[in-house]
Amino acid sequence: MPRLNAGTLLLVLIAIGVGYALGIASLRPSRRISVRVQCLSNLKQIGALAISHADDHGDRFPHDSGPLPRAFAAFQILVDASPDFDTRVLCSPAQMDIAAEADAGGRFHLGPNHVSYAYRGAPTRTTARSSTILAANDTYQHAPNSQEHHEGHSGGVNLVYVTGEATHITVDKLGDGRSFPEGLVDNHGQTR
């Protein structure tokens, strides 16, 4: 069996390293796409739950009626009304939020770090225009409100309309200086 000298071994190791690096780089776009698809699925589930809730409550979507509406408070209404609610749905895989866990009595208590989505800031009915946005990611990569520049989707946000249809929109469609669509509030009551 022929012996490899140090130079040949080094070349083989470099070739393996380059192949590995190229393989990893080729997986990044796939990962971004799968994260975006999972987030869209979360928003579709949120939309379906909100529509179901509205059907049982005079065609009104859940809403935080406090003086400073906050997204997580509106989502708390959905969680309380749905005994089998999976709070992981409220966390976008593109963001750093963590799913709420049940207390000893089995109740979930949502806070700002348990929800990745901005929500409709005003009372809204199911009869609103079909272009009315119900919820969306509350940030995107390099957004004005982004504390972590790698948090959120690249180039835009996912959203769900009052009809339950979910889609992705690009940053340029959000408007200047916006981190999420107009008409929504984040977990701190912010509207941008």
C-alpha atoms as a PDB file:
ATOM      1  CA  MET A   1       0.000   0.000   0.000  1.00  0.00           C
ATOM      2  CA  PRO A   2       1.484   3.383  -0.965  1.00  0.00           C
ATOM      3  CA  ARG A   3       2.238   5.828   1.823  1.00  0.00           C
ATOM      4  CA  LEU A   4       0.958   9.390   1.739  1.00  0.00           C
ATOM      5  CA  ASN A   5       3.431  12.134   2.434  1.00  0.00           C
ATOM      6  CA  ALA A   6       2.511  15.140   4.595  1.00  0.00           C
ATOM      7  CA  GLY A   7       1.884  17.379   1.567  1.00  0.00           C
ATOM      8  CA  THR A   8      -0.581  14.938  -0.008  1.00  0.00           C
ATOM      9  CA  LEU A   9      -2.347  14.418   3.311  1.00  0.00           C
ATOM     10  CA  LEU A  10      -2.661  18.184   3.750  1.00  0.00           C
ATOM     11  CA  LEU A  11      -4.206  18.525   0.275  1.00  0.00           C
ATOM     12  CA  VAL A  12      -6.707  15.750   1.026  1.00  0.00           C
ATOM     13  CA  LEU A  13      -7.703  17.432   4.308  1.00  0.00           C
ATOM     14  CA  ILE A  14      -8.092  20.818   2.583  1.00  0.00           C
ATOM     15  CA  ALA A  15     -10.280  19.223  -0.114  1.00  0.00           C
ATOM     16  CA  ILE A  16     -12.474  17.613   2.553  1.00  0.00           C
ATOM     17  CA  GLY A  17     -12.732  20.932   4.435  1.00  0.00           C
ATOM     18  CA  VAL A  18     -13.693  22.866   1.306  1.00  0.00           C
ATOM     19  CA  GLY A  19     -16.317  20.227   0.428  1.00  0.00           C
ATOM     20  CA  TYR A  20     -17.756  20.429   3.940  1.00  0.00           C
ATOM     21  CA  ALA A  21     -17.887  24.254   3.851  1.00  0.00           C
ATOM     22  CA  LEU A  22     -19.621  24.238   0.476  1.00  0.00           C
ATOM     23  CA  GLY A  23     -22.124  21.668   1.724  1.00  0.00           C
ATOM     24  CA  ILE A  24     -22.970  23.726   4.819  1.00  0.00           C
ATOM     25  CA  ALA A  25     -23.308  26.930   2.749  1.00  0.00           C
ATOM     26  CA  SER A  26     -25.718  25.194   0.382  1.00  0.00           C
ATOM     27  CA  LEU A  27     -27.974  24.263   3.331  1.00  0.00           C
ATOM     28  CA  ARG A  28     -28.475  27.848   4.564  1.00  0.00           C
ATOM     29  CA  PRO A  29     -31.066  28.835   1.937  1.00  0.00           C
ATOM     30  CA  SER A  30     -32.966  25.612   2.677  1.00  0.00           C
ATOM     31  CA  ARG A  31     -32.968  26.410   6.386  1.00  0.00           C
ATOM     32  CA  ARG A  32     -34.251  29.964   5.758  1.00  0.00           C
ATOM     33  CA  ILE A  33     -37.043  28.593   3.588  1.00  0.00           C
ATOM     34  CA  SER A  34     -38.040  25.963   6.158  1.00  0.00           C
ATOM     35  CA  VAL A  35     -38.087  28.600   8.939  1.00  0.00           C
ATOM     36  CA  ARG A  36     -40.283  30.882   6.813  1.00  0.00           C
ATOM     37  CA  VAL A  37     -42.655  27.985   6.011  1.00  0.00           C
ATOM     38  CA  GLN A  38     -42.911  27.022   9.710  1.00  0.00           C
ATOM     39  CA  CYS A  39     -43.653  30.640  10.604  1.00  0.00           C
ATOM     40  CA  LEU A  40     -46.360  30.819   7.903  1.00  0.00           C
ATOM     41  CA  SER A  41     -47.850  27.622   9.317  1.00  0.00           C
ATOM     42  CA  ASN A  42     -47.894  29.198  12.802  1.00  0.00           C
ATOM     43  CA  LEU A  43     -49.663  32.273  11.447  1.00  0.00           C
ATOM     44  CA  LYS A  44     -52.244  30.142   9.609  1.00  0.00           C
ATOM     45  CA  GLN A  45     -52.980  28.331  12.883  1.00  0.00           C
ATOM     46  CA  ILE A  46     -53.243  31.649  14.725  1.00  0.00           C
ATOM     47  CA  GLY A  47     -55.578  32.944  12.006  1.00  0.00           C
ATOM     48  CA  ALA A  48     -57.777  29.827  12.182  1.00  0.00           C
ATOM     49  CA  LEU A  49     -57.980  30.048  15.995  1.00  0.00           C
ATOM     50  CA  ALA A  50     -58.781  33.767  15.864  1.00  0.00           C
ATOM     51  CA  ILE A  51     -61.505  33.201  13.250  1.00  0.00           C
ATOM     52  CA  SER A  52     -62.970  30.364  15.334  1.00  0.00           C
ATOM     53  CA  HIS A  53     -62.905  32.617  18.397  1.00  0.00           C
ATOM     54  CA  ALA A  54     -64.600  35.420  16.444  1.00  0.00           C
ATOM     55  CA  ASP A  55     -67.301  33.020  15.245  1.00  0.00           C
ATOM     56  CA  ASP A  56     -68.160  32.340  18.887  1.00  0.00           C
ATOM     57  CA  HIS A  57     -67.930  36.002  19.970  1.00  0.00           C
ATOM     58  CA  GLY A  58     -70.137  38.095  17.711  1.00  0.00           C
ATOM     59  CA  ASP A  59     -67.693  38.112  14.763  1.00  0.00           C
ATOM     60  CA  ARG A  60     -65.114  39.991  16.854  1.00  0.00           C
ATOM     61  CA  PHE A  61     -61.463  38.963  16.925  1.00  0.00           C
ATOM     62  CA  PRO A  62     -59.784  38.840  20.338  1.00  0.00           C
ATOM     63  CA  HIS A  63     -58.380  42.217  21.302  1.00  0.00           C
ATOM     64  CA  ASP A  64     -56.559  43.788  24.244  1.00  0.00           C
ATOM     65  CA  SER A  65     -58.919  46.563  25.285  1.00  0.00           C
ATOM     66  CA  GLY A  66     -56.463  48.197  27.685  1.00  0.00           C
ATOM     67  CA  PRO A  67     -55.291  51.792  27.224  1.00  0.00           C
ATOM     68  CA  LEU A  68     -52.086  50.510  25.581  1.00  0.00           C
ATOM     69  CA  PRO A  69     -53.033  47.382  23.590  1.00  0.00           C
ATOM     70  CA  ARG A  70     -50.321  44.738  23.582  1.00  0.00           C
ATOM     71  CA  ALA A  71     -50.107  41.729  21.276  1.00  0.00           C
ATOM     72  CA  PHE A  72     -49.429  39.138  23.978  1.00  0.00           C
ATOM     73  CA  ALA A  73     -52.550  40.235  25.905  1.00  0.00           C
ATOM     74  CA  ALA A  74     -54.733  39.629  22.832  1.00  0.00           C
ATOM     75  CA  PHE A  75     -53.089  36.236  22.322  1.00  0.00           C
ATOM     76  CA  GLN A  76     -53.773  35.445  26.001  1.00  0.00           C
ATOM     77  CA  ILE A  77     -57.490  35.588  25.155  1.00  0.00           C
ATOM     78  CA  LEU A  78     -56.963  32.945  22.453  1.00  0.00           C
ATOM     79  CA  VAL A  79     -54.900  30.762  24.778  1.00  0.00           C
ATOM     80  CA  ASP A  80     -57.523  30.977  27.544  1.00  0.00           C
ATOM     81  CA  ALA A  81     -60.341  30.111  25.105  1.00  0.00           C
ATOM     82  CA  SER A  82     -58.548  27.100  23.580  1.00  0.00           C
ATOM     83  CA  PRO A  83     -57.822  24.317  26.088  1.00  0.00           C
ATOM     84  CA  ASP A  84     -55.473  22.485  23.717  1.00  0.00           C
ATOM     85  CA  PHE A  85     -53.585  25.578  22.565  1.00  0.00           C
ATOM     86  CA  ASP A  86     -49.930  24.878  21.811  1.00  0.00           C
ATOM     87  CA  THR A  87     -48.074  28.035  22.852  1.00  0.00           C
ATOM     88  CA  ARG A  88     -45.150  27.107  20.571  1.00  0.00           C
ATOM     89  CA  VAL A  89     -47.359  28.393  17.726  1.00  0.00           C
ATOM     90  CA  LEU A  90     -46.834  31.908  19.112  1.00  0.00           C
ATOM     91  CA  CYS A  91     -43.052  31.674  18.666  1.00  0.00           C
ATOM     92  CA  SER A  92     -41.584  32.208  15.224  1.00  0.00           C
ATOM     93  CA  PRO A  93     -38.606  29.930  14.600  1.00  0.00           C
ATOM     94  CA  ALA A  94     -36.838  33.005  13.169  1.00  0.00           C
ATOM     95  CA  GLN A  95     -36.988  34.847  16.491  1.00  0.00           C
ATOM     96  CA  MET A  96     -35.697  34.384  20.030  1.00  0.00           C
ATOM     97  CA  ASP A  97     -38.990  34.123  21.940  1.00  0.00           C
ATOM     98  CA  ILE A  98     -39.692  31.118  24.157  1.00  0.00           C
ATOM     99  CA  ALA A  99     -42.977  29.232  24.468  1.00  0.00           C
ATOM    100  CA  ALA A 100     -44.924  29.816  27.671  1.00  0.00           C
ATOM    101  CA  GLU A 101     -45.249  26.852  29.993  1.00  0.00           C
ATOM    102  CA  ALA A 102     -48.295  25.973  32.062  1.00  0.00           C
ATOM    103  CA  ASP A 103     -48.363  26.800  35.746  1.00  0.00           C
ATOM    104  CA  ALA A 104     -49.263  24.211  38.415  1.00  0.00           C
ATOM    105  CA  GLY A 105     -52.961  24.702  37.604  1.00  0.00           C
ATOM    106  CA  GLY A 106     -52.419  24.099  33.890  1.00  0.00           C
ATOM    107  CA  ARG A 107     -52.909  27.756  32.890  1.00  0.00           C
ATOM    108  CA  PHE A 108     -50.550  29.596  30.559  1.00  0.00           C
ATOM    109  CA  HIS A 109     -49.542  33.175  31.387  1.00  0.00           C
ATOM    110  CA  LEU A 110     -48.147  34.970  28.348  1.00  0.00           C
ATOM    111  CA  GLY A 111     -45.645  37.780  28.547  1.00  0.00           C
ATOM    112  CA  PRO A 112     -43.681  39.832  26.003  1.00  0.00           C
ATOM    113  CA  ASN A 113     -41.042  37.115  25.540  1.00  0.00           C
ATOM    114  CA  HIS A 114     -43.601  34.413  24.750  1.00  0.00           C
ATOM    115  CA  VAL A 115     -44.946  35.891  21.505  1.00  0.00           C
ATOM    116  CA  SER A 116     -43.123  36.622  18.218  1.00  0.00           C
ATOM    117  CA  TYR A 117     -46.036  38.260  16.451  1.00  0.00           C
ATOM    118  CA  ALA A 118     -47.573  41.723  16.348  1.00  0.00           C
ATOM    119  CA  TYR A 119     -51.387  41.714  16.478  1.00  0.00           C
ATOM    120  CA  ARG A 120     -54.285  43.928  15.436  1.00  0.00           C
ATOM    121  CA  GLY A 121     -54.297  46.955  17.732  1.00  0.00           C
ATOM    122  CA  ALA A 122     -57.947  47.929  17.321  1.00  0.00           C
ATOM    123  CA  PRO A 123     -61.180  45.989  17.702  1.00  0.00           C
ATOM    124  CA  THR A 124     -61.722  44.166  14.414  1.00  0.00           C
ATOM    125  CA  ARG A 125     -64.621  42.139  13.033  1.00  0.00           C
ATOM    126  CA  THR A 126     -64.563  39.223  10.615  1.00  0.00           C
ATOM    127  CA  THR A 127     -66.404  41.478   8.155  1.00  0.00           C
ATOM    128  CA  ALA A 128     -63.342  43.776   7.829  1.00  0.00           C
ATOM    129  CA  ARG A 129     -61.821  44.144   4.356  1.00  0.00           C
ATOM    130  CA  SER A 130     -60.034  40.973   3.285  1.00  0.00           C
ATOM    131  CA  SER A 131     -56.809  43.002   3.026  1.00  0.00           C
ATOM    132  CA  THR A 132     -56.914  43.752   6.779  1.00  0.00           C
ATOM    133  CA  ILE A 133     -53.871  42.228   8.466  1.00  0.00           C
ATOM    134  CA  LEU A 134     -54.580  40.345  11.684  1.00  0.00           C
ATOM    135  CA  ALA A 135     -51.036  39.410  12.760  1.00  0.00           C
ATOM    136  CA  ALA A 136     -47.439  39.454  11.493  1.00  0.00           C
ATOM    137  CA  ASN A 137     -43.876  38.893  12.680  1.00  0.00           C
ATOM    138  CA  ASP A 138     -42.986  41.770  14.971  1.00  0.00           C
ATOM    139  CA  THR A 139     -39.525  42.228  13.444  1.00  0.00           C
ATOM    140  CA  TYR A 140     -37.226  41.244  10.583  1.00  0.00           C
ATOM    141  CA  GLN A 141     -33.461  41.156  10.219  1.00  0.00           C
ATOM    142  CA  HIS A 142     -32.061  44.674  10.672  1.00  0.00           C
ATOM    143  CA  ALA A 143     -35.503  46.179  11.366  1.00  0.00           C
ATOM    144  CA  PRO A 144     -35.685  49.503  13.245  1.00  0.00           C
ATOM    145  CA  ASN A 145     -36.908  47.664  16.374  1.00  0.00           C
ATOM    146  CA  SER A 146     -34.509  44.735  16.058  1.00  0.00           C
ATOM    147  CA  GLN A 147     -32.173  44.375  19.012  1.00  0.00           C
ATOM    148  CA  GLU A 148     -30.671  41.191  17.599  1.00  0.00           C
ATOM    149  CA  HIS A 149     -29.727  41.843  13.955  1.00  0.00           C
ATOM    150  CA  HIS A 150     -29.912  38.156  13.146  1.00  0.00           C
ATOM    151  CA  GLU A 151     -33.453  37.825  14.560  1.00  0.00           C
ATOM    152  CA  GLY A 152     -36.427  37.608  12.207  1.00  0.00           C
ATOM    153  CA  HIS A 153     -36.760  36.789   8.545  1.00  0.00           C
ATOM    154  CA  SER A 154     -34.428  38.240   5.964  1.00  0.00           C
ATOM    155  CA  GLY A 155     -36.006  40.948   3.817  1.00  0.00           C
ATOM    156  CA  GLY A 156     -39.549  41.014   5.195  1.00  0.00           C
ATOM    157  CA  VAL A 157     -42.224  39.568   7.454  1.00  0.00           C
ATOM    158  CA  ASN A 158     -44.850  36.867   7.306  1.00  0.00           C
ATOM    159  CA  LEU A 159     -48.422  37.908   8.002  1.00  0.00           C
ATOM    160  CA  VAL A 160     -51.969  36.574   8.194  1.00  0.00           C
ATOM    161  CA  TYR A 161     -55.089  38.423   7.027  1.00  0.00           C
ATOM    162  CA  VAL A 162     -58.505  38.377   8.717  1.00  0.00           C
ATOM    163  CA  THR A 163     -59.501  35.751   6.136  1.00  0.00           C
ATOM    164  CA  GLY A 164     -56.875  33.328   7.483  1.00  0.00           C
ATOM    165  CA  GLU A 165     -54.675  33.627   4.375  1.00  0.00           C
ATOM    166  CA  ALA A 166     -50.976  33.850   5.265  1.00  0.00           C
ATOM    167  CA  THR A 167     -48.178  35.235   3.088  1.00  0.00           C
ATOM    168  CA  HIS A 168     -44.744  36.880   3.136  1.00  0.00           C
ATOM    169  CA  ILE A 169     -44.258  40.557   2.271  1.00  0.00           C
ATOM    170  CA  THR A 170     -41.015  42.354   1.593  1.00  0.00           C
ATOM    171  CA  VAL A 171     -39.628  45.218   3.649  1.00  0.00           C
ATOM    172  CA  ASP A 172     -40.381  47.786   0.943  1.00  0.00           C
ATOM    173  CA  LYS A 173     -44.119  47.035   1.297  1.00  0.00           C
ATOM    174  CA  LEU A 174     -44.053  47.787   5.041  1.00  0.00           C
ATOM    175  CA  GLY A 175     -43.346  51.498   4.619  1.00  0.00           C
ATOM    176  CA  ASP A 176     -40.457  53.669   5.751  1.00  0.00           C
ATOM    177  CA  GLY A 177     -39.199  53.052   9.266  1.00  0.00           C
ATOM    178  CA  ARG A 178     -41.669  50.250   9.981  1.00  0.00           C
ATOM    179  CA  SER A 179     -40.753  46.955  11.649  1.00  0.00           C
ATOM    180  CA  PHE A 180     -44.173  45.383  11.035  1.00  0.00           C
ATOM    181  CA  PRO A 181     -47.387  46.306   9.151  1.00  0.00           C
ATOM    182  CA  GLU A 182     -49.449  49.356  10.048  1.00  0.00           C
ATOM    183  CA  GLY A 183     -52.458  48.717  12.290  1.00  0.00           C
ATOM    184  CA  LEU A 184     -50.651  46.165  14.444  1.00  0.00           C
ATOM    185  CA  VAL A 185     -49.108  46.503  17.894  1.00  0.00           C
ATOM    186  CA  ASP A 186     -46.205  44.581  19.364  1.00  0.00           C
ATOM    187  CA  ASN A 187     -45.860  43.145  22.863  1.00  0.00           C
ATOM    188  CA  HIS A 188     -45.035  46.553  24.313  1.00  0.00           C
ATOM    189  CA  GLY A 189     -47.882  48.448  22.624  1.00  0.00           C
ATOM    190  CA  GLN A 190     -45.558  49.916  19.985  1.00  0.00           C
ATOM    191  CA  THR A 191     -47.012  50.506  16.526  1.00  0.00           C
ATOM    192  CA  ARG A 192     -43.855  50.599  14.395  1.00  0.00           C
END
